[in-house]
Amino acid sequence: MKLSDAADVFLRHCRLERGLSKLTMTAYQLDLRQFRQKQSNDLVVAAIDKNLIREYLGWLDEQYKPRSIKRKLATLKSFFTFLEQEEYIEASPFRKLRLRLERAKS
């Protein structure tokens, strides 16, 4: 399954089955669109591994504050967990990935 198709399936699931708020849906859409743009929309989700996630994290770290990075990574973790549970992928790339982000400074 292509990344763009998987994102559409996930967002439909979040809206219809999980009943997420419009604000949360907007954030999920933004985060997934941004991830797709940094990759290739034609990328197959099964080809996404923890190294690609690490590269994306490096890019996020140059662009955003820790709080925003945590939200964006939470979106991706939820996305890949869904794909694993629905058996679109064998295992989430987050499964064996340990990320430690600094807390935002006040």
C-alpha atoms as a PDB file:
ATOM      1  CA  MET A   1       0.000   0.000   0.000  1.00  0.00           C
ATOM      2  CA  LYS A   2       1.283   3.444  -0.903  1.00  0.00           C
ATOM      3  CA  LEU A   3       1.874   6.038   1.788  1.00  0.00           C
ATOM      4  CA  SER A   4      -0.783   8.406   0.427  1.00  0.00           C
ATOM      5  CA  ASP A   5      -3.421   5.634   0.341  1.00  0.00           C
ATOM      6  CA  ALA A   6      -2.510   4.463   3.835  1.00  0.00           C
ATOM      7  CA  ALA A   7      -2.858   8.013   5.171  1.00  0.00           C
ATOM      8  CA  ASP A   8      -6.339   8.277   3.643  1.00  0.00           C
ATOM      9  CA  VAL A   9      -7.416   4.964   5.230  1.00  0.00           C
ATOM     10  CA  PHE A  10      -6.040   6.041   8.618  1.00  0.00           C
ATOM     11  CA  LEU A  11      -7.727   9.454   8.529  1.00  0.00           C
ATOM     12  CA  ARG A  12     -11.059   7.879   7.581  1.00  0.00           C
ATOM     13  CA  HIS A  13     -10.658   5.457  10.517  1.00  0.00           C
ATOM     14  CA  CYS A  14      -9.905   8.342  12.887  1.00  0.00           C
ATOM     15  CA  ARG A  15     -12.932  10.316  11.735  1.00  0.00           C
ATOM     16  CA  LEU A  16     -15.506   7.524  11.519  1.00  0.00           C
ATOM     17  CA  GLU A  17     -14.429   4.910  14.064  1.00  0.00           C
ATOM     18  CA  ARG A  18     -12.546   6.924  16.645  1.00  0.00           C
ATOM     19  CA  GLY A  19     -14.664  10.063  16.354  1.00  0.00           C
ATOM     20  CA  LEU A  20     -11.743  12.434  16.786  1.00  0.00           C
ATOM     21  CA  SER A  21     -12.404  16.161  17.044  1.00  0.00           C
ATOM     22  CA  LYS A  22     -12.009  18.464  14.057  1.00  0.00           C
ATOM     23  CA  LEU A  23      -8.984  20.059  15.700  1.00  0.00           C
ATOM     24  CA  THR A  24      -7.259  16.695  16.158  1.00  0.00           C
ATOM     25  CA  MET A  25      -8.167  15.636  12.621  1.00  0.00           C
ATOM     26  CA  THR A  26      -6.679  18.860  11.249  1.00  0.00           C
ATOM     27  CA  ALA A  27      -3.452  18.235  13.171  1.00  0.00           C
ATOM     28  CA  TYR A  28      -3.287  14.602  11.965  1.00  0.00           C
ATOM     29  CA  GLN A  29      -3.872  15.678   8.363  1.00  0.00           C
ATOM     30  CA  LEU A  30      -1.155  18.328   8.592  1.00  0.00           C
ATOM     31  CA  ASP A  31       1.351  15.967  10.214  1.00  0.00           C
ATOM     32  CA  LEU A  32       0.748  13.156   7.719  1.00  0.00           C
ATOM     33  CA  ARG A  33       0.830  15.520   4.728  1.00  0.00           C
ATOM     34  CA  GLN A  34       4.134  16.917   5.959  1.00  0.00           C
ATOM     35  CA  PHE A  35       5.593  13.424   6.418  1.00  0.00           C
ATOM     36  CA  ARG A  36       4.430  12.425   2.914  1.00  0.00           C
ATOM     37  CA  GLN A  37       5.994  15.551   1.407  1.00  0.00           C
ATOM     38  CA  LYS A  38       9.348  14.778   3.013  1.00  0.00           C
ATOM     39  CA  GLN A  39       9.167  11.253   1.582  1.00  0.00           C
ATOM     40  CA  SER A  40       7.625  10.183  -1.682  1.00  0.00           C
ATOM     41  CA  ASN A  41       3.860   9.806  -1.963  1.00  0.00           C
ATOM     42  CA  ASP A  42       4.599   6.692  -4.007  1.00  0.00           C
ATOM     43  CA  LEU A  43       6.625   5.164  -1.173  1.00  0.00           C
ATOM     44  CA  VAL A  44       5.216   1.833  -0.021  1.00  0.00           C
ATOM     45  CA  VAL A  45       4.479   1.921   3.729  1.00  0.00           C
ATOM     46  CA  ALA A  46       6.114  -1.470   4.265  1.00  0.00           C
ATOM     47  CA  ALA A  47       9.410   0.106   3.104  1.00  0.00           C
ATOM     48  CA  ILE A  48       9.382   2.709   5.883  1.00  0.00           C
ATOM     49  CA  ASP A  49      11.813   1.708   8.595  1.00  0.00           C
ATOM     50  CA  LYS A  50      13.218   3.190  11.787  1.00  0.00           C
ATOM     51  CA  ASN A  51      16.134   4.742   9.889  1.00  0.00           C
ATOM     52  CA  LEU A  52      13.745   6.745   7.731  1.00  0.00           C
ATOM     53  CA  ILE A  53      11.904   7.839  10.899  1.00  0.00           C
ATOM     54  CA  ARG A  54      15.232   8.911  12.421  1.00  0.00           C
ATOM     55  CA  GLU A  55      16.048  10.964   9.315  1.00  0.00           C
ATOM     56  CA  TYR A  56      12.650  12.634   9.528  1.00  0.00           C
ATOM     57  CA  LEU A  57      13.215  13.335  13.225  1.00  0.00           C
ATOM     58  CA  GLY A  58      16.500  15.031  12.338  1.00  0.00           C
ATOM     59  CA  TRP A  59      14.678  17.274   9.875  1.00  0.00           C
ATOM     60  CA  LEU A  60      11.943  18.042  12.435  1.00  0.00           C
ATOM     61  CA  ASP A  61      14.581  18.917  15.021  1.00  0.00           C
ATOM     62  CA  GLU A  62      15.920  21.642  12.717  1.00  0.00           C
ATOM     63  CA  GLN A  63      12.440  23.090  12.119  1.00  0.00           C
ATOM     64  CA  TYR A  64      10.363  22.788  15.298  1.00  0.00           C
ATOM     65  CA  LYS A  65      10.366  23.039  19.064  1.00  0.00           C
ATOM     66  CA  PRO A  66      10.273  19.817  21.136  1.00  0.00           C
ATOM     67  CA  ARG A  67       6.551  20.091  21.892  1.00  0.00           C
ATOM     68  CA  SER A  68       5.651  20.237  18.191  1.00  0.00           C
ATOM     69  CA  ILE A  69       8.043  17.400  17.383  1.00  0.00           C
ATOM     70  CA  LYS A  70       6.433  15.212  20.046  1.00  0.00           C
ATOM     71  CA  ARG A  71       2.977  15.824  18.567  1.00  0.00           C
ATOM     72  CA  LYS A  72       4.127  15.056  15.047  1.00  0.00           C
ATOM     73  CA  LEU A  73       5.823  11.854  16.172  1.00  0.00           C
ATOM     74  CA  ALA A  74       2.739  10.858  18.193  1.00  0.00           C
ATOM     75  CA  THR A  75       0.679  11.196  15.007  1.00  0.00           C
ATOM     76  CA  LEU A  76       3.095   8.969  13.107  1.00  0.00           C
ATOM     77  CA  LYS A  77       3.241   6.423  15.912  1.00  0.00           C
ATOM     78  CA  SER A  78      -0.565   6.220  15.964  1.00  0.00           C
ATOM     79  CA  PHE A  79      -0.593   5.925  12.157  1.00  0.00           C
ATOM     80  CA  PHE A  80       1.892   3.056  12.051  1.00  0.00           C
ATOM     81  CA  THR A  81       0.275   1.280  15.017  1.00  0.00           C
ATOM     82  CA  PHE A  82      -3.030   1.372  13.122  1.00  0.00           C
ATOM     83  CA  LEU A  83      -1.377   0.004   9.977  1.00  0.00           C
ATOM     84  CA  GLU A  84       0.175  -2.822  11.984  1.00  0.00           C
ATOM     85  CA  GLN A  85      -3.089  -3.684  13.768  1.00  0.00           C
ATOM     86  CA  GLU A  86      -4.956  -3.734  10.463  1.00  0.00           C
ATOM     87  CA  GLU A  87      -2.174  -5.880   8.961  1.00  0.00           C
ATOM     88  CA  TYR A  88      -1.198  -3.425   6.228  1.00  0.00           C
ATOM     89  CA  ILE A  89       2.372  -3.716   7.543  1.00  0.00           C
ATOM     90  CA  GLU A  90       4.102  -6.476   9.473  1.00  0.00           C
ATOM     91  CA  ALA A  91       5.515  -4.241  12.221  1.00  0.00           C
ATOM     92  CA  SER A  92       5.519  -0.547  13.054  1.00  0.00           C
ATOM     93  CA  PRO A  93       8.912   1.153  12.571  1.00  0.00           C
ATOM     94  CA  PHE A  94       8.324   2.692  16.005  1.00  0.00           C
ATOM     95  CA  ARG A  95       8.201  -0.726  17.675  1.00  0.00           C
ATOM     96  CA  LYS A  96      11.929  -0.910  18.418  1.00  0.00           C
ATOM     97  CA  LEU A  97      12.699   2.784  18.180  1.00  0.00           C
ATOM     98  CA  ARG A  98      13.512   4.598  21.408  1.00  0.00           C
ATOM     99  CA  LEU A  99      13.255   8.360  21.173  1.00  0.00           C
ATOM    100  CA  ARG A 100      14.135  10.795  23.909  1.00  0.00           C
ATOM    101  CA  LEU A 101      13.182  14.384  23.291  1.00  0.00           C
ATOM    102  CA  GLU A 102      14.070  17.298  25.497  1.00  0.00           C
ATOM    103  CA  ARG A 103      11.244  19.032  27.270  1.00  0.00           C
ATOM    104  CA  ALA A 104      10.387  22.460  25.984  1.00  0.00           C
ATOM    105  CA  LYS A 105      12.017  25.179  28.032  1.00  0.00           C
ATOM    106  CA  SER A 106       9.665  27.737  29.521  1.00  0.00           C
END
